[in-house]
C-alpha atoms as a PDB file:
ATOM      1  CA  ALA A   1      85.839  80.288 106.506  1.00  0.00           C
ATOM      2  CA  ASP A   2      89.248  78.704 106.319  1.00  0.00           C
ATOM      3  CA  ASN A   3      89.744  80.172 102.837  1.00  0.00           C
ATOM      4  CA  VAL A   4      89.355  83.785 103.949  1.00  0.00           C
ATOM      5  CA  TRP A   5      93.128  84.243 103.823  1.00  0.00           C
ATOM      6  CA  ASP A   6      93.935  82.343 100.649  1.00  0.00           C
ATOM      7  CA  PHE A   7      95.689  85.397  99.108  1.00  0.00           C
ATOM      8  CA  TYR A   8      95.400  83.994  95.590  1.00  0.00           C
ATOM      9  CA  HIS A   9      91.761  84.851  94.977  1.00  0.00           C
ATOM     10  CA  PRO A  10      91.892  88.676  94.659  1.00  0.00           C
ATOM     11  CA  ALA A  11      93.735  88.695  91.343  1.00  0.00           C
ATOM     12  CA  ILE A  12      91.308  86.082  90.012  1.00  0.00           C
ATOM     13  CA  SER A  13      87.973  86.717  91.726  1.00  0.00           C
ATOM     14  CA  HIS A  14      88.179  90.492  91.793  1.00  0.00           C
ATOM     15  CA  ALA A  15      89.456  90.832  88.215  1.00  0.00           C
ATOM     16  CA  SER A  16      85.985  91.577  86.844  1.00  0.00           C
ATOM     17  CA  GLN A  17      85.507  94.576  89.135  1.00  0.00           C
ATOM     18  CA  ILE A  18      88.897  95.908  88.100  1.00  0.00           C
ATOM     19  CA  MET A  19      88.107  95.474  84.394  1.00  0.00           C
ATOM     20  CA  ALA A  20      84.639  97.000  84.861  1.00  0.00           C
ATOM     21  CA  ASN A  21      86.260 100.028  86.520  1.00  0.00           C
ATOM     22  CA  TRP A  22      83.227 100.224  88.813  1.00  0.00           C
ATOM     23  CA  ARG A  23      84.792 102.497  91.425  1.00  0.00           C
ATOM     24  CA  PRO A  24      84.069 106.146  90.631  1.00  0.00           C
ATOM     25  CA  GLY A  25      86.873 108.626  90.209  1.00  0.00           C
ATOM     26  CA  PRO A  26      90.600 108.109  89.771  1.00  0.00           C
ATOM     27  CA  GLN A  27      92.028 104.988  91.364  1.00  0.00           C
ATOM     28  CA  PRO A  28      95.639 104.657  92.433  1.00  0.00           C
ATOM     29  CA  ASP A  29      97.602 101.490  91.742  1.00  0.00           C
ATOM     30  CA  ARG A  30      96.620  99.214  94.645  1.00  0.00           C
ATOM     31  CA  TYR A  31      99.476  96.839  93.873  1.00  0.00           C
ATOM     32  CA  LYS A  32     101.800  99.489  95.323  1.00  0.00           C
ATOM     33  CA  GLN A  33     100.149  99.289  98.741  1.00  0.00           C
ATOM     34  CA  ALA A  34     101.945  97.277 101.404  1.00  0.00           C
ATOM     35  CA  HIS A  35      99.978  94.553 103.224  1.00  0.00           C
ATOM     36  CA  ILE A  36     100.332  93.016 106.661  1.00  0.00           C
ATOM     37  CA  VAL A  37      99.399  89.611 108.086  1.00  0.00           C
ATOM     38  CA  LEU A  38      98.973  88.877 111.800  1.00  0.00           C
ATOM     39  CA  LEU A  39      98.231  85.322 112.886  1.00  0.00           C
ATOM     40  CA  GLY A  40      96.687  84.896 116.317  1.00  0.00           C
ATOM     41  CA  GLU A  41      95.771  82.106 118.649  1.00  0.00           C
ATOM     42  CA  TYR A  42      92.978  79.625 117.937  1.00  0.00           C
ATOM     43  CA  GLY A  43      92.821  80.414 114.215  1.00  0.00           C
ATOM     44  CA  HIS A  44      92.114  84.133 114.565  1.00  0.00           C
ATOM     45  CA  ALA A  45      93.813  86.276 111.932  1.00  0.00           C
ATOM     46  CA  LEU A  46      94.116  89.829 110.701  1.00  0.00           C
ATOM     47  CA  SER A  47      95.226  90.683 107.212  1.00  0.00           C
ATOM     48  CA  GLY A  48      94.935  93.421 104.659  1.00  0.00           C
ATOM     49  CA  PRO A  49      96.350  96.765 103.605  1.00  0.00           C
ATOM     50  CA  GLU A  50      98.923  98.424 105.815  1.00  0.00           C
ATOM     51  CA  VAL A  51      98.365 101.977 107.021  1.00  0.00           C
ATOM     52  CA  ASP A  52     100.651 104.463 105.344  1.00  0.00           C
ATOM     53  CA  GLU A  53     100.063 107.724 103.493  1.00  0.00           C
ATOM     54  CA  PHE A  54      99.084 105.793 100.364  1.00  0.00           C
ATOM     55  CA  GLY A  55      96.518 103.791 102.349  1.00  0.00           C
ATOM     56  CA  ARG A  56      95.137 106.901 103.991  1.00  0.00           C
ATOM     57  CA  SER A  57      94.686 108.522 100.577  1.00  0.00           C
ATOM     58  CA  LEU A  58      92.783 105.421  99.412  1.00  0.00           C
ATOM     59  CA  GLN A  59      90.508 105.679 102.432  1.00  0.00           C
ATOM     60  CA  ALA A  60      89.810 109.328 101.681  1.00  0.00           C
ATOM     61  CA  LEU A  61      88.944 108.457  98.066  1.00  0.00           C
ATOM     62  CA  ASN A  62      86.458 105.895  99.351  1.00  0.00           C
ATOM     63  CA  GLY A  63      84.787 108.245 101.825  1.00  0.00           C
ATOM     64  CA  VAL A  64      86.391 106.769 104.948  1.00  0.00           C
ATOM     65  CA  ASP A  65      87.709 109.187 107.573  1.00  0.00           C
ATOM     66  CA  PRO A  66      91.038 107.822 108.885  1.00  0.00           C
ATOM     67  CA  THR A  67      91.654 110.674 111.345  1.00  0.00           C
ATOM     68  CA  TRP A  68      90.543 108.582 114.347  1.00  0.00           C
ATOM     69  CA  ARG A  69      94.062 107.123 114.190  1.00  0.00           C
ATOM     70  CA  ASP A  70      95.562 110.528 114.960  1.00  0.00           C
ATOM     71  CA  ARG A  71      94.279 110.575 118.539  1.00  0.00           C
ATOM     72  CA  PRO A  72      96.974 109.807 121.169  1.00  0.00           C
ATOM     73  CA  GLU A  73      94.718 107.386 123.074  1.00  0.00           C
ATOM     74  CA  VAL A  74      94.323 105.267 119.926  1.00  0.00           C
ATOM     75  CA  SER A  75      98.086 104.925 119.577  1.00  0.00           C
ATOM     76  CA  ALA A  76      98.378 104.027 123.257  1.00  0.00           C
ATOM     77  CA  ILE A  77      95.756 101.279 122.952  1.00  0.00           C
ATOM     78  CA  LEU A  78      96.822  99.817 119.595  1.00  0.00           C
ATOM     79  CA  GLY A  79     100.584 100.073 119.991  1.00  0.00           C
ATOM     80  CA  PRO A  80     103.059 100.234 117.090  1.00  0.00           C
ATOM     81  CA  VAL A  81     101.840  97.115 115.264  1.00  0.00           C
ATOM     82  CA  GLY A  82      98.167  97.944 115.703  1.00  0.00           C
ATOM     83  CA  MET A  83      98.756 101.400 114.256  1.00  0.00           C
ATOM     84  CA  ARG A  84     100.058  99.777 111.043  1.00  0.00           C
ATOM     85  CA  VAL A  85      96.979  97.609 110.587  1.00  0.00           C
ATOM     86  CA  GLN A  86      94.093  98.633 108.338  1.00  0.00           C
ATOM     87  CA  SER A  87      92.865  95.147 107.914  1.00  0.00           C
ATOM     88  CA  HIS A  88      90.051  92.642 107.927  1.00  0.00           C
ATOM     89  CA  PRO A  89      89.862  90.726 111.236  1.00  0.00           C
ATOM     90  CA  HIS A  90      88.751  87.111 111.078  1.00  0.00           C
ATOM     91  CA  ILE A  91      87.296  85.617 114.256  1.00  0.00           C
ATOM     92  CA  PHE A  92      87.673  81.872 113.779  1.00  0.00           C
ATOM     93  CA  PRO A  93      85.818  79.896 112.615  1.00  0.00           C
ATOM     94  CA  ASP A  94      83.252  81.907 110.658  1.00  0.00           C
ATOM     95  CA  MET A  95      83.162  85.656 111.413  1.00  0.00           C
ATOM     96  CA  TRP A  96      84.884  88.204 109.210  1.00  0.00           C
ATOM     97  CA  LEU A  97      84.861  91.996 109.663  1.00  0.00           C
ATOM     98  CA  THR A  98      85.548  94.477 106.909  1.00  0.00           C
ATOM     99  CA  PHE A  99      88.309  97.026 107.375  1.00  0.00           C
ATOM    100  CA  PRO A 100      87.673  99.973 109.710  1.00  0.00           C
ATOM    101  CA  GLY A 101      85.053 102.343 108.402  1.00  0.00           C
ATOM    102  CA  ALA A 102      83.106  99.875 106.261  1.00  0.00           C
ATOM    103  CA  GLY A 103      80.781  98.719 109.052  1.00  0.00           C
ATOM    104  CA  GLN A 104      80.123  95.232 107.741  1.00  0.00           C
ATOM    105  CA  VAL A 105      80.235  91.796 109.337  1.00  0.00           C
ATOM    106  CA  SER A 106      80.262  88.575 107.339  1.00  0.00           C
ATOM    107  CA  MET A 107      79.185  85.261 108.803  1.00  0.00           C
ATOM    108  CA  ARG A 108      80.124  82.182 106.787  1.00  0.00           C
ATOM    109  CA  MET A 109      77.534  79.503 107.489  1.00  0.00           C
ATOM    110  CA  PRO A 110      78.497  75.986 106.365  1.00  0.00           C
ATOM    111  CA  LYS A 111      75.600  74.266 104.596  1.00  0.00           C
ATOM    112  CA  GLY A 112      77.381  71.021 103.773  1.00  0.00           C
ATOM    113  CA  PRO A 113      80.760  69.717 102.637  1.00  0.00           C
ATOM    114  CA  THR A 114      80.714  71.754  99.413  1.00  0.00           C
ATOM    115  CA  THR A 115      78.515  74.734 100.248  1.00  0.00           C
ATOM    116  CA  THR A 116      78.869  77.827 102.405  1.00  0.00           C
ATOM    117  CA  GLU A 117      76.248  80.535 102.764  1.00  0.00           C
ATOM    118  CA  ILE A 118      77.470  84.052 103.534  1.00  0.00           C
ATOM    119  CA  TRP A 119      75.313  86.366 105.644  1.00  0.00           C
ATOM    120  CA  TRP A 120      76.212  90.070 105.556  1.00  0.00           C
ATOM    121  CA  PHE A 121      75.290  92.574 108.245  1.00  0.00           C
ATOM    122  CA  THR A 122      75.843  96.288 107.650  1.00  0.00           C
ATOM    123  CA  PHE A 123      75.900  98.873 110.426  1.00  0.00           C
ATOM    124  CA  ILE A 124      75.114 102.515 109.686  1.00  0.00           C
ATOM    125  CA  ASN A 125      75.678 105.198 112.321  1.00  0.00           C
ATOM    126  CA  GLU A 126      72.362 106.985 112.817  1.00  0.00           C
ATOM    127  CA  ASP A 127      74.252 110.110 113.945  1.00  0.00           C
ATOM    128  CA  ASP A 128      76.065 110.488 110.595  1.00  0.00           C
ATOM    129  CA  ASP A 129      74.720 112.985 108.090  1.00  0.00           C
ATOM    130  CA  SER A 130      72.423 111.593 105.393  1.00  0.00           C
ATOM    131  CA  ALA A 131      75.028 111.951 102.618  1.00  0.00           C
ATOM    132  CA  HIS A 132      77.537 109.822 104.535  1.00  0.00           C
ATOM    133  CA  GLN A 133      74.844 107.268 105.359  1.00  0.00           C
ATOM    134  CA  ALA A 134      73.940 107.049 101.655  1.00  0.00           C
ATOM    135  CA  THR A 135      77.609 106.482 100.796  1.00  0.00           C
ATOM    136  CA  GLN A 136      77.818 103.693 103.377  1.00  0.00           C
ATOM    137  CA  VAL A 137      74.684 102.011 102.003  1.00  0.00           C
ATOM    138  CA  GLN A 138      75.933 102.315  98.407  1.00  0.00           C
ATOM    139  CA  ARG A 139      79.282 100.821  99.400  1.00  0.00           C
ATOM    140  CA  ALA A 140      77.616  98.000 101.334  1.00  0.00           C
ATOM    141  CA  GLN A 141      75.428  97.100  98.371  1.00  0.00           C
ATOM    142  CA  HIS A 142      78.098  97.378  95.690  1.00  0.00           C
ATOM    143  CA  VAL A 143      81.185  96.010  97.422  1.00  0.00           C
ATOM    144  CA  PHE A 144      80.160  93.017  99.535  1.00  0.00           C
ATOM    145  CA  GLY A 145      76.380  93.207  99.133  1.00  0.00           C
ATOM    146  CA  PRO A 146      73.793  91.848  96.674  1.00  0.00           C
ATOM    147  CA  ALA A 147      75.198  93.898  93.787  1.00  0.00           C
ATOM    148  CA  GLY A 148      78.713  93.379  95.090  1.00  0.00           C
ATOM    149  CA  MET A 149      81.768  93.343  92.907  1.00  0.00           C
ATOM    150  CA  LEU A 150      84.095  91.872  95.540  1.00  0.00           C
END
């Protein structure tokens, strides 16, 4: 999973999903969104979009509720840097988590010197209403799942 943070692949690999315009509804210009990178010990990393009003509006468009960040105890636990992060944690060497609200875990399983198999696990909250659960399943299938565009 050492290529998780290559930063060159989105403009190349994700170009087809952008051209296909597969996300429903109006989409803001994602190139305007600030990003943040945090490098940790032992190869752990965190990277992705930074939380700002633009990022929160993107989350709302995608059915993600960002209001958990508004609770004082969250700010106390995360601190000022953690409050800016809306990212994809990578637990070295092979575990990757999608940004908050997506509920997916990716395990990259090496199958040889030139092959890696990716296993996806999706978690759906059984207490959520059925419409939100359906949105989560649709997102899991069409973003990083078997019909995935990313």
